Amino acid sequence: MKQNFPFILFLFFLISSSTFHAIYAGDLIRETCKKCAERDPNLSYKFCVTSLQAAPKSHCADDLRDLGVISIKLVRRNMTSSRSYIKELLKNKKLEPFVRSCLHDCLDLFSDAISATKEAMDDFKSKHYDDANIDMSSVMDASTTCEDGFHEKQGLVSPLTKRNNDTFLLTAISLSIINMLRSNYTLLH
């Protein structure tokens, strides 16, 4: 038994430290989402927590910067998935011409938005928060512009409403985090 004691002790510290880190990350997510929801009336606390906790690396987040990286990645994944979905919809030969046109517009907007998320990530990691804010704002605009295109024809229901709303809200989380860091960064410099 004495020979196994160091190993058992090591396992105990390993398990307890990883458990502590997961609890801390959960608190970080909840506190961040509370601030995000307070700052943006369009953003629900529950959506924020659920979205950030769904990201695999969120439970390893050490600070707000880590959550910022995770939130931008969530937006990029959402936009990439939506772009693929649009491509699938466009394969339908029976689409009404107006819907097809709107989908092509959204495809272009989302392609540009994916590039903007990549730029935002570079700017964010370089602590160029103003530029990251501009990049992510353009992503938010892409989702609303896409959705608005469908509403130009009365009675038409967008096949992308849920995806556009999710993109809008995920981007709102990123923008809130960027603005929190920007405020802190500005105060320190």
N, C-alpha and C. Protein backbone atom coordinates (compact mmCIF):
# COMPACT_ATOMS: atom_id res chain seq x y z
N MET A 1 0.82 -1.20 0.00
CA MET A 1 0.00 0.00 0.00
C MET A 1 0.86 1.25 0.00
N LYS A 2 1.96 1.24 0.74
CA LYS A 2 2.82 2.42 0.80
C LYS A 2 3.43 2.73 -0.57
N GLN A 3 3.64 1.70 -1.37
CA GLN A 3 4.22 1.92 -2.69
C GLN A 3 3.23 2.64 -3.61
N ASN A 4 1.96 2.43 -3.41
CA ASN A 4 0.93 3.07 -4.24
C ASN A 4 0.53 4.45 -3.73
N PHE A 5 0.92 4.81 -2.54
CA PHE A 5 0.52 6.07 -1.94
C PHE A 5 0.87 7.29 -2.81
N PRO A 6 2.11 7.41 -3.32
CA PRO A 6 2.42 8.57 -4.16
C PRO A 6 1.54 8.64 -5.41
N PHE A 7 1.26 7.49 -5.98
CA PHE A 7 0.41 7.46 -7.17
C PHE A 7 -1.02 7.88 -6.83
N ILE A 8 -1.54 7.38 -5.74
CA ILE A 8 -2.90 7.73 -5.30
C ILE A 8 -2.97 9.22 -4.97
N LEU A 9 -1.95 9.73 -4.31
CA LEU A 9 -1.90 11.15 -3.99
C LEU A 9 -1.87 11.99 -5.27
N PHE A 10 -1.08 11.55 -6.24
CA PHE A 10 -1.01 12.25 -7.53
C PHE A 10 -2.39 12.27 -8.20
N LEU A 11 -3.06 11.13 -8.23
CA LEU A 11 -4.40 11.05 -8.82
C LEU A 11 -5.38 11.97 -8.11
N PHE A 12 -5.31 12.01 -6.80
CA PHE A 12 -6.20 12.88 -6.03
C PHE A 12 -6.00 14.34 -6.43
N PHE A 13 -4.75 14.80 -6.50
CA PHE A 13 -4.48 16.19 -6.87
C PHE A 13 -4.87 16.47 -8.32
N LEU A 14 -4.66 15.51 -9.18
CA LEU A 14 -5.02 15.68 -10.57
C LEU A 14 -6.54 15.83 -10.72
N ILE A 15 -7.28 14.97 -10.09
CA ILE A 15 -8.75 15.03 -10.17
C ILE A 15 -9.29 16.28 -9.50
N SER A 16 -8.77 16.61 -8.34
CA SER A 16 -9.28 17.79 -7.63
C SER A 16 -8.94 19.08 -8.36
N SER A 17 -7.74 19.15 -8.97
CA SER A 17 -7.39 20.38 -9.69
C SER A 17 -8.21 20.53 -10.95
N SER A 18 -8.49 19.43 -11.66
CA SER A 18 -9.30 19.55 -12.87
C SER A 18 -10.75 19.87 -12.51
N THR A 19 -11.24 19.34 -11.41
CA THR A 19 -12.59 19.66 -10.95
C THR A 19 -12.68 21.13 -10.57
N PHE A 20 -11.66 21.63 -9.86
CA PHE A 20 -11.63 23.05 -9.48
C PHE A 20 -11.62 23.92 -10.72
N HIS A 21 -10.81 23.54 -11.73
CA HIS A 21 -10.72 24.35 -12.94
C HIS A 21 -12.06 24.38 -13.67
N ALA A 22 -12.76 23.26 -13.73
CA ALA A 22 -14.07 23.21 -14.38
C ALA A 22 -15.08 24.08 -13.64
N ILE A 23 -15.02 24.08 -12.32
CA ILE A 23 -15.92 24.92 -11.52
C ILE A 23 -15.60 26.39 -11.78
N TYR A 24 -14.30 26.74 -11.81
CA TYR A 24 -13.90 28.12 -12.06
C TYR A 24 -14.36 28.56 -13.45
N ALA A 25 -14.15 27.71 -14.46
CA ALA A 25 -14.56 28.06 -15.82
C ALA A 25 -16.07 28.26 -15.89
N GLY A 26 -16.81 27.42 -15.19
CA GLY A 26 -18.27 27.58 -15.15
C GLY A 26 -18.67 28.91 -14.54
N ASP A 27 -17.99 29.29 -13.46
CA ASP A 27 -18.25 30.59 -12.83
C ASP A 27 -17.90 31.73 -13.79
N LEU A 28 -16.78 31.58 -14.48
CA LEU A 28 -16.34 32.60 -15.43
C LEU A 28 -17.39 32.78 -16.53
N ILE A 29 -17.90 31.68 -17.04
CA ILE A 29 -18.93 31.75 -18.08
C ILE A 29 -20.18 32.42 -17.54
N ARG A 30 -20.63 32.01 -16.38
CA ARG A 30 -21.86 32.60 -15.81
C ARG A 30 -21.68 34.09 -15.53
N GLU A 31 -20.57 34.47 -14.95
CA GLU A 31 -20.33 35.90 -14.66
C GLU A 31 -20.22 36.72 -15.94
N THR A 32 -19.53 36.18 -16.93
CA THR A 32 -19.39 36.88 -18.21
C THR A 32 -20.75 37.04 -18.87
N CYS A 33 -21.53 35.98 -18.88
CA CYS A 33 -22.86 36.04 -19.51
C CYS A 33 -23.79 36.98 -18.76
N LYS A 34 -23.65 37.03 -17.47
CA LYS A 34 -24.46 37.98 -16.68
C LYS A 34 -24.16 39.41 -17.13
N LYS A 35 -22.87 39.72 -17.28
CA LYS A 35 -22.48 41.06 -17.73
C LYS A 35 -22.92 41.32 -19.16
N CYS A 36 -22.78 40.30 -20.02
CA CYS A 36 -23.20 40.45 -21.42
C CYS A 36 -24.69 40.75 -21.51
N ALA A 37 -25.49 40.01 -20.77
CA ALA A 37 -26.95 40.18 -20.80
C ALA A 37 -27.36 41.54 -20.22
N GLU A 38 -26.62 42.01 -19.23
CA GLU A 38 -26.91 43.32 -18.65
C GLU A 38 -26.61 44.44 -19.64
N ARG A 39 -25.57 44.26 -20.45
CA ARG A 39 -25.15 45.29 -21.40
C ARG A 39 -25.95 45.29 -22.69
N ASP A 40 -26.53 44.15 -23.05
CA ASP A 40 -27.23 44.04 -24.33
C ASP A 40 -28.62 43.46 -24.11
N PRO A 41 -29.66 44.27 -24.27
CA PRO A 41 -31.02 43.79 -24.01
C PRO A 41 -31.48 42.72 -25.00
N ASN A 42 -30.80 42.58 -26.14
CA ASN A 42 -31.15 41.55 -27.12
C ASN A 42 -30.63 40.17 -26.73
N LEU A 43 -29.73 40.13 -25.77
CA LEU A 43 -29.03 38.90 -25.44
C LEU A 43 -29.57 38.31 -24.15
N SER A 44 -29.94 37.04 -24.21
CA SER A 44 -30.42 36.38 -22.99
C SER A 44 -29.27 35.68 -22.29
N TYR A 45 -29.31 35.73 -20.99
CA TYR A 45 -28.30 35.07 -20.15
C TYR A 45 -28.26 33.58 -20.46
N LYS A 46 -29.42 32.96 -20.58
CA LYS A 46 -29.49 31.51 -20.80
C LYS A 46 -28.84 31.14 -22.14
N PHE A 47 -29.13 31.89 -23.20
CA PHE A 47 -28.54 31.61 -24.51
C PHE A 47 -27.02 31.72 -24.43
N CYS A 48 -26.54 32.74 -23.76
CA CYS A 48 -25.11 32.97 -23.63
C CYS A 48 -24.44 31.81 -22.90
N VAL A 49 -24.96 31.44 -21.75
CA VAL A 49 -24.38 30.35 -20.96
C VAL A 49 -24.41 29.04 -21.74
N THR A 50 -25.55 28.73 -22.32
CA THR A 50 -25.70 27.49 -23.08
C THR A 50 -24.72 27.44 -24.25
N SER A 51 -24.59 28.56 -24.95
CA SER A 51 -23.70 28.61 -26.12
C SER A 51 -22.24 28.45 -25.72
N LEU A 52 -21.81 29.19 -24.71
CA LEU A 52 -20.40 29.10 -24.31
C LEU A 52 -20.08 27.75 -23.68
N GLN A 53 -21.00 27.21 -22.89
CA GLN A 53 -20.74 25.91 -22.27
C GLN A 53 -20.71 24.79 -23.30
N ALA A 54 -21.37 24.97 -24.42
CA ALA A 54 -21.39 23.94 -25.47
C ALA A 54 -20.05 23.82 -26.19
N ALA A 55 -19.25 24.87 -26.13
CA ALA A 55 -17.93 24.84 -26.78
C ALA A 55 -17.00 23.96 -25.95
N PRO A 56 -16.38 22.97 -26.59
CA PRO A 56 -15.55 22.01 -25.84
C PRO A 56 -14.46 22.66 -24.97
N LYS A 57 -13.82 23.69 -25.45
CA LYS A 57 -12.71 24.27 -24.70
C LYS A 57 -13.14 25.31 -23.67
N SER A 58 -14.43 25.58 -23.59
CA SER A 58 -14.88 26.61 -22.66
C SER A 58 -14.62 26.23 -21.20
N HIS A 59 -14.60 24.95 -20.91
CA HIS A 59 -14.38 24.51 -19.53
C HIS A 59 -12.91 24.61 -19.12
N CYS A 60 -12.07 24.96 -20.08
CA CYS A 60 -10.64 25.18 -19.79
C CYS A 60 -10.30 26.66 -19.81
N ALA A 61 -11.30 27.52 -20.01
CA ALA A 61 -11.05 28.95 -20.12
C ALA A 61 -10.53 29.50 -18.79
N ASP A 62 -9.42 30.24 -18.88
CA ASP A 62 -8.81 30.83 -17.70
C ASP A 62 -9.26 32.25 -17.44
N ASP A 63 -9.67 32.93 -18.52
CA ASP A 63 -10.01 34.35 -18.36
C ASP A 63 -10.93 34.80 -19.49
N LEU A 64 -11.26 36.06 -19.45
CA LEU A 64 -12.17 36.66 -20.42
C LEU A 64 -11.61 36.58 -21.85
N ARG A 65 -10.30 36.71 -21.99
CA ARG A 65 -9.69 36.60 -23.32
C ARG A 65 -9.92 35.21 -23.91
N ASP A 66 -9.79 34.18 -23.09
CA ASP A 66 -10.06 32.81 -23.57
C ASP A 66 -11.51 32.69 -24.04
N LEU A 67 -12.43 33.25 -23.27
CA LEU A 67 -13.84 33.20 -23.68
C LEU A 67 -14.08 34.01 -24.95
N GLY A 68 -13.34 35.08 -25.13
CA GLY A 68 -13.45 35.87 -26.36
C GLY A 68 -13.05 35.06 -27.58
N VAL A 69 -11.94 34.35 -27.47
CA VAL A 69 -11.49 33.48 -28.57
C VAL A 69 -12.55 32.43 -28.86
N ILE A 70 -13.07 31.82 -27.81
CA ILE A 70 -14.09 30.79 -27.97
C ILE A 70 -15.35 31.36 -28.63
N SER A 71 -15.75 32.55 -28.22
CA SER A 71 -16.97 33.14 -28.79
C SER A 71 -16.80 33.46 -30.27
N ILE A 72 -15.64 33.93 -30.67
CA ILE A 72 -15.40 34.22 -32.09
C ILE A 72 -15.40 32.92 -32.89
N LYS A 73 -14.81 31.87 -32.32
CA LYS A 73 -14.82 30.56 -33.00
C LYS A 73 -16.24 30.04 -33.15
N LEU A 74 -17.08 30.26 -32.15
CA LEU A 74 -18.49 29.84 -32.24
C LEU A 74 -19.19 30.55 -33.40
N VAL A 75 -18.93 31.83 -33.54
CA VAL A 75 -19.55 32.59 -34.62
C VAL A 75 -19.06 32.05 -35.97
N ARG A 76 -17.77 31.82 -36.08
CA ARG A 76 -17.22 31.32 -37.35
C ARG A 76 -17.82 29.95 -37.70
N ARG A 77 -17.92 29.07 -36.70
CA ARG A 77 -18.53 27.74 -36.96
C ARG A 77 -19.98 27.88 -37.39
N ASN A 78 -20.70 28.78 -36.73
CA ASN A 78 -22.10 29.00 -37.08
C ASN A 78 -22.22 29.52 -38.52
N MET A 79 -21.39 30.47 -38.88
CA MET A 79 -21.43 31.03 -40.23
C MET A 79 -21.04 29.99 -41.27
N THR A 80 -20.04 29.19 -40.98
CA THR A 80 -19.60 28.14 -41.90
C THR A 80 -20.71 27.10 -42.10
N SER A 81 -21.35 26.72 -41.01
CA SER A 81 -22.46 25.77 -41.09
C SER A 81 -23.62 26.37 -41.89
N SER A 82 -23.91 27.63 -41.66
CA SER A 82 -25.00 28.28 -42.38
C SER A 82 -24.69 28.38 -43.88
N ARG A 83 -23.47 28.68 -44.19
CA ARG A 83 -23.07 28.75 -45.61
C ARG A 83 -23.25 27.39 -46.28
N SER A 84 -22.86 26.32 -45.60
CA SER A 84 -23.06 24.97 -46.14
C SER A 84 -24.55 24.66 -46.32
N TYR A 85 -25.34 25.08 -45.36
CA TYR A 85 -26.79 24.88 -45.42
C TYR A 85 -27.38 25.61 -46.63
N ILE A 86 -26.93 26.82 -46.86
CA ILE A 86 -27.41 27.60 -48.01
C ILE A 86 -27.05 26.87 -49.31
N LYS A 87 -25.84 26.36 -49.39
CA LYS A 87 -25.43 25.62 -50.59
C LYS A 87 -26.35 24.43 -50.84
N GLU A 88 -26.74 23.76 -49.76
CA GLU A 88 -27.68 22.64 -49.89
C GLU A 88 -29.04 23.12 -50.38
N LEU A 89 -29.52 24.22 -49.82
CA LEU A 89 -30.81 24.76 -50.25
C LEU A 89 -30.79 25.14 -51.73
N LEU A 90 -29.66 25.68 -52.19
CA LEU A 90 -29.56 26.12 -53.58
C LEU A 90 -29.56 24.95 -54.57
N LYS A 91 -29.35 23.75 -54.11
CA LYS A 91 -29.41 22.57 -54.98
C LYS A 91 -30.84 22.25 -55.42
N ASN A 92 -31.80 22.80 -54.69
CA ASN A 92 -33.20 22.57 -55.02
C ASN A 92 -33.56 23.36 -56.28
N LYS A 93 -33.83 22.67 -57.35
CA LYS A 93 -34.13 23.30 -58.65
C LYS A 93 -35.50 23.97 -58.68
N LYS A 94 -36.34 23.66 -57.69
CA LYS A 94 -37.70 24.20 -57.68
C LYS A 94 -37.84 25.49 -56.86
N LEU A 95 -36.73 26.04 -56.43
CA LEU A 95 -36.79 27.27 -55.64
C LEU A 95 -37.35 28.41 -56.47
N GLU A 96 -38.16 29.20 -55.82
CA GLU A 96 -38.68 30.42 -56.43
C GLU A 96 -37.49 31.33 -56.74
N PRO A 97 -37.50 32.02 -57.90
CA PRO A 97 -36.35 32.87 -58.28
C PRO A 97 -35.98 33.91 -57.22
N PHE A 98 -36.98 34.52 -56.57
CA PHE A 98 -36.67 35.52 -55.54
C PHE A 98 -35.94 34.89 -54.36
N VAL A 99 -36.40 33.71 -53.94
CA VAL A 99 -35.75 33.00 -52.83
C VAL A 99 -34.33 32.62 -53.23
N ARG A 100 -34.16 32.12 -54.43
CA ARG A 100 -32.83 31.75 -54.92
C ARG A 100 -31.90 32.97 -54.90
N SER A 101 -32.42 34.11 -55.34
CA SER A 101 -31.63 35.34 -55.34
C SER A 101 -31.22 35.74 -53.91
N CYS A 102 -32.17 35.66 -53.00
CA CYS A 102 -31.87 35.98 -51.59
C CYS A 102 -30.81 35.04 -51.03
N LEU A 103 -30.95 33.76 -51.35
CA LEU A 103 -29.98 32.77 -50.85
C LEU A 103 -28.57 33.05 -51.41
N HIS A 104 -28.51 33.43 -52.69
CA HIS A 104 -27.20 33.79 -53.27
C HIS A 104 -26.62 35.01 -52.57
N ASP A 105 -27.47 36.00 -52.29
CA ASP A 105 -27.00 37.18 -51.55
C ASP A 105 -26.47 36.78 -50.17
N CYS A 106 -27.21 35.90 -49.48
CA CYS A 106 -26.79 35.44 -48.15
C CYS A 106 -25.49 34.66 -48.23
N LEU A 107 -25.35 33.86 -49.26
CA LEU A 107 -24.12 33.09 -49.45
C LEU A 107 -22.92 34.02 -49.57
N ASP A 108 -23.08 35.07 -50.36
CA ASP A 108 -22.00 36.07 -50.49
C ASP A 108 -21.73 36.77 -49.17
N LEU A 109 -22.80 37.17 -48.50
CA LEU A 109 -22.65 37.86 -47.21
C LEU A 109 -21.94 36.97 -46.19
N PHE A 110 -22.32 35.70 -46.14
CA PHE A 110 -21.74 34.78 -45.16
C PHE A 110 -20.28 34.46 -45.50
N SER A 111 -19.96 34.37 -46.78
CA SER A 111 -18.57 34.14 -47.17
C SER A 111 -17.70 35.30 -46.70
N ASP A 112 -18.19 36.52 -46.91
CA ASP A 112 -17.46 37.70 -46.43
C ASP A 112 -17.39 37.71 -44.90
N ALA A 113 -18.47 37.30 -44.25
CA ALA A 113 -18.50 37.30 -42.79
C ALA A 113 -17.51 36.29 -42.21
N ILE A 114 -17.36 35.16 -42.86
CA ILE A 114 -16.38 34.17 -42.39
C ILE A 114 -14.98 34.76 -42.44
N SER A 115 -14.69 35.47 -43.52
CA SER A 115 -13.39 36.16 -43.61
C SER A 115 -13.25 37.21 -42.51
N ALA A 116 -14.34 37.89 -42.22
CA ALA A 116 -14.31 38.91 -41.16
C ALA A 116 -14.05 38.29 -39.80
N THR A 117 -14.58 37.08 -39.56
CA THR A 117 -14.31 36.44 -38.26
C THR A 117 -12.83 36.06 -38.14
N LYS A 118 -12.23 35.69 -39.25
CA LYS A 118 -10.79 35.37 -39.23
C LYS A 118 -9.99 36.63 -38.91
N GLU A 119 -10.36 37.74 -39.53
CA GLU A 119 -9.70 39.02 -39.25
C GLU A 119 -9.94 39.42 -37.79
N ALA A 120 -11.17 39.23 -37.33
CA ALA A 120 -11.49 39.57 -35.94
C ALA A 120 -10.63 38.77 -34.97
N MET A 121 -10.43 37.51 -35.27
CA MET A 121 -9.60 36.67 -34.39
C MET A 121 -8.17 37.18 -34.35
N ASP A 122 -7.62 37.52 -35.50
CA ASP A 122 -6.26 38.08 -35.53
C ASP A 122 -6.19 39.38 -34.75
N ASP A 123 -7.17 40.26 -34.97
CA ASP A 123 -7.19 41.54 -34.26
C ASP A 123 -7.36 41.33 -32.76
N PHE A 124 -8.25 40.40 -32.40
CA PHE A 124 -8.50 40.12 -30.99
C PHE A 124 -7.23 39.61 -30.31
N LYS A 125 -6.57 38.65 -30.93
CA LYS A 125 -5.37 38.08 -30.34
C LYS A 125 -4.25 39.11 -30.24
N SER A 126 -4.27 40.11 -31.13
CA SER A 126 -3.26 41.18 -31.09
C SER A 126 -3.68 42.33 -30.17
N LYS A 127 -4.82 42.16 -29.50
CA LYS A 127 -5.38 43.17 -28.61
C LYS A 127 -5.76 44.46 -29.33
N HIS A 128 -6.10 44.32 -30.61
CA HIS A 128 -6.63 45.44 -31.39
C HIS A 128 -8.16 45.35 -31.31
N TYR A 129 -8.66 45.69 -30.14
CA TYR A 129 -10.07 45.46 -29.85
C TYR A 129 -11.01 46.32 -30.69
N ASP A 130 -10.60 47.54 -31.01
CA ASP A 130 -11.45 48.38 -31.86
C ASP A 130 -11.64 47.73 -33.23
N ASP A 131 -10.55 47.21 -33.80
CA ASP A 131 -10.64 46.55 -35.10
C ASP A 131 -11.45 45.26 -35.01
N ALA A 132 -11.27 44.50 -33.95
CA ALA A 132 -12.05 43.27 -33.75
C ALA A 132 -13.53 43.61 -33.64
N ASN A 133 -13.83 44.71 -32.98
CA ASN A 133 -15.22 45.16 -32.84
C ASN A 133 -15.82 45.47 -34.21
N ILE A 134 -15.08 46.16 -35.04
CA ILE A 134 -15.56 46.50 -36.39
C ILE A 134 -15.78 45.23 -37.20
N ASP A 135 -14.83 44.31 -37.13
CA ASP A 135 -14.96 43.04 -37.87
C ASP A 135 -16.20 42.27 -37.44
N MET A 136 -16.40 42.14 -36.15
CA MET A 136 -17.55 41.37 -35.66
C MET A 136 -18.87 42.10 -35.91
N SER A 137 -18.83 43.41 -35.91
CA SER A 137 -20.04 44.18 -36.24
C SER A 137 -20.47 43.90 -37.68
N SER A 138 -19.49 43.74 -38.57
CA SER A 138 -19.83 43.44 -39.97
C SER A 138 -20.45 42.05 -40.08
N VAL A 139 -20.05 41.13 -39.22
CA VAL A 139 -20.65 39.79 -39.20
C VAL A 139 -22.11 39.90 -38.75
N MET A 140 -22.33 40.69 -37.72
CA MET A 140 -23.70 40.89 -37.23
C MET A 140 -24.56 41.51 -38.33
N ASP A 141 -24.00 42.49 -39.04
CA ASP A 141 -24.73 43.13 -40.14
C ASP A 141 -25.07 42.13 -41.24
N ALA A 142 -24.17 41.19 -41.50
CA ALA A 142 -24.41 40.19 -42.55
C ALA A 142 -25.65 39.36 -42.23
N SER A 143 -25.79 38.97 -40.98
CA SER A 143 -26.95 38.14 -40.62
C SER A 143 -28.26 38.93 -40.73
N THR A 144 -28.24 40.18 -40.31
CA THR A 144 -29.47 40.97 -40.40
C THR A 144 -29.79 41.36 -41.84
N THR A 145 -28.76 41.66 -42.63
CA THR A 145 -28.98 42.00 -44.04
C THR A 145 -29.53 40.80 -44.79
N CYS A 146 -29.00 39.62 -44.51
CA CYS A 146 -29.51 38.39 -45.12
C CYS A 146 -30.99 38.22 -44.79
N GLU A 147 -31.32 38.32 -43.53
CA GLU A 147 -32.71 38.12 -43.10
C GLU A 147 -33.63 39.18 -43.71
N ASP A 148 -33.17 40.42 -43.73
CA ASP A 148 -33.98 41.51 -44.29
C ASP A 148 -34.30 41.30 -45.76
N GLY A 149 -33.38 40.68 -46.48
CA GLY A 149 -33.60 40.43 -47.91
C GLY A 149 -34.85 39.62 -48.16
N PHE A 150 -35.11 38.63 -47.33
CA PHE A 150 -36.29 37.79 -47.50
C PHE A 150 -37.58 38.56 -47.20
N HIS A 151 -37.48 39.55 -46.34
CA HIS A 151 -38.68 40.30 -45.94
C HIS A 151 -39.07 41.37 -46.95
N GLU A 152 -38.26 41.52 -48.00
CA GLU A 152 -38.60 42.49 -49.04
C GLU A 152 -39.82 42.04 -49.84
N LYS A 153 -40.10 40.75 -49.82
CA LYS A 153 -41.29 40.23 -50.49
C LYS A 153 -42.30 39.83 -49.43
N GLN A 154 -43.43 40.49 -49.45
CA GLN A 154 -44.44 40.27 -48.42
C GLN A 154 -44.89 38.81 -48.38
N GLY A 155 -44.98 38.27 -47.18
CA GLY A 155 -45.46 36.92 -46.98
C GLY A 155 -44.40 35.84 -47.11
N LEU A 156 -43.22 36.22 -47.55
CA LEU A 156 -42.15 35.23 -47.71
C LEU A 156 -41.51 34.93 -46.36
N VAL A 157 -41.33 33.67 -46.08
CA VAL A 157 -40.70 33.24 -44.83
C VAL A 157 -39.26 32.83 -45.14
N SER A 158 -38.33 33.41 -44.43
CA SER A 158 -36.93 33.08 -44.63
C SER A 158 -36.63 31.68 -44.11
N PRO A 159 -35.91 30.88 -44.90
CA PRO A 159 -35.50 29.57 -44.41
C PRO A 159 -34.28 29.66 -43.48
N LEU A 160 -33.81 30.88 -43.26
CA LEU A 160 -32.58 31.08 -42.47
C LEU A 160 -32.82 31.84 -41.18
N THR A 161 -34.07 32.07 -40.81
CA THR A 161 -34.37 32.91 -39.65
C THR A 161 -33.66 32.43 -38.39
N LYS A 162 -33.78 31.16 -38.06
CA LYS A 162 -33.14 30.65 -36.83
C LYS A 162 -31.63 30.81 -36.91
N ARG A 163 -31.05 30.47 -38.03
CA ARG A 163 -29.60 30.58 -38.20
C ARG A 163 -29.15 32.04 -38.10
N ASN A 164 -29.90 32.94 -38.74
CA ASN A 164 -29.54 34.36 -38.67
C ASN A 164 -29.69 34.90 -37.25
N ASN A 165 -30.74 34.49 -36.55
CA ASN A 165 -30.90 34.93 -35.16
C ASN A 165 -29.77 34.41 -34.28
N ASP A 166 -29.41 33.14 -34.47
CA ASP A 166 -28.31 32.57 -33.69
C ASP A 166 -27.00 33.31 -33.97
N THR A 167 -26.76 33.60 -35.25
CA THR A 167 -25.55 34.34 -35.61
C THR A 167 -25.55 35.71 -34.94
N PHE A 168 -26.68 36.38 -35.00
CA PHE A 168 -26.80 37.70 -34.37
C PHE A 168 -26.47 37.61 -32.88
N LEU A 169 -27.05 36.63 -32.19
CA LEU A 169 -26.85 36.51 -30.74
C LEU A 169 -25.42 36.06 -30.39
N LEU A 170 -24.88 35.13 -31.15
CA LEU A 170 -23.49 34.70 -30.90
C LEU A 170 -22.53 35.86 -31.13
N THR A 171 -22.82 36.66 -32.15
CA THR A 171 -21.98 37.83 -32.41
C THR A 171 -22.13 38.86 -31.30
N ALA A 172 -23.33 38.99 -30.76
CA ALA A 172 -23.55 39.92 -29.63
C ALA A 172 -22.71 39.50 -28.42
N ILE A 173 -22.58 38.20 -28.20
CA ILE A 173 -21.72 37.72 -27.10
C ILE A 173 -20.28 38.13 -27.36
N SER A 174 -19.80 37.88 -28.57
CA SER A 174 -18.42 38.25 -28.91
C SER A 174 -18.19 39.75 -28.75
N LEU A 175 -19.13 40.53 -29.26
CA LEU A 175 -18.98 41.98 -29.15
C LEU A 175 -18.98 42.45 -27.70
N SER A 176 -19.81 41.84 -26.87
CA SER A 176 -19.83 42.21 -25.45
C SER A 176 -18.48 41.92 -24.79
N ILE A 177 -17.95 40.75 -25.09
CA ILE A 177 -16.66 40.37 -24.50
C ILE A 177 -15.56 41.29 -25.02
N ILE A 178 -15.56 41.56 -26.32
CA ILE A 178 -14.56 42.47 -26.89
C ILE A 178 -14.66 43.84 -26.22
N ASN A 179 -15.88 44.33 -26.04
CA ASN A 179 -16.05 45.66 -25.43
C ASN A 179 -15.65 45.68 -23.96
N MET A 180 -15.87 44.58 -23.25
CA MET A 180 -15.39 44.51 -21.85
C MET A 180 -13.87 44.58 -21.81
N LEU A 181 -13.24 43.83 -22.69
CA LEU A 181 -11.77 43.84 -22.73
C LEU A 181 -11.24 45.17 -23.22
N ARG A 182 -11.93 45.75 -24.19
CA ARG A 182 -11.52 47.06 -24.72
C ARG A 182 -11.57 48.11 -23.62
N SER A 183 -12.63 48.07 -22.79
CA SER A 183 -12.75 49.01 -21.69
C SER A 183 -11.61 48.83 -20.69
N ASN A 184 -11.33 47.58 -20.36
CA ASN A 184 -10.23 47.29 -19.41
C ASN A 184 -8.89 47.69 -20.01
N TYR A 185 -8.69 47.40 -21.28
CA TYR A 185 -7.43 47.70 -21.94
C TYR A 185 -7.20 49.20 -22.01
N THR A 186 -8.28 49.94 -22.32
CA THR A 186 -8.18 51.40 -22.41
C THR A 186 -7.85 52.01 -21.04
N LEU A 187 -8.44 51.46 -20.00
CA LEU A 187 -8.16 51.97 -18.65
C LEU A 187 -6.72 51.74 -18.24
N LEU A 188 -6.14 50.64 -18.71
CA LEU A 188 -4.78 50.29 -18.30
C LEU A 188 -3.72 50.99 -19.14
N HIS A 189 -4.11 51.53 -20.31
CA HIS A 189 -3.11 52.14 -21.18
C HIS A 189 -3.39 53.59 -21.47
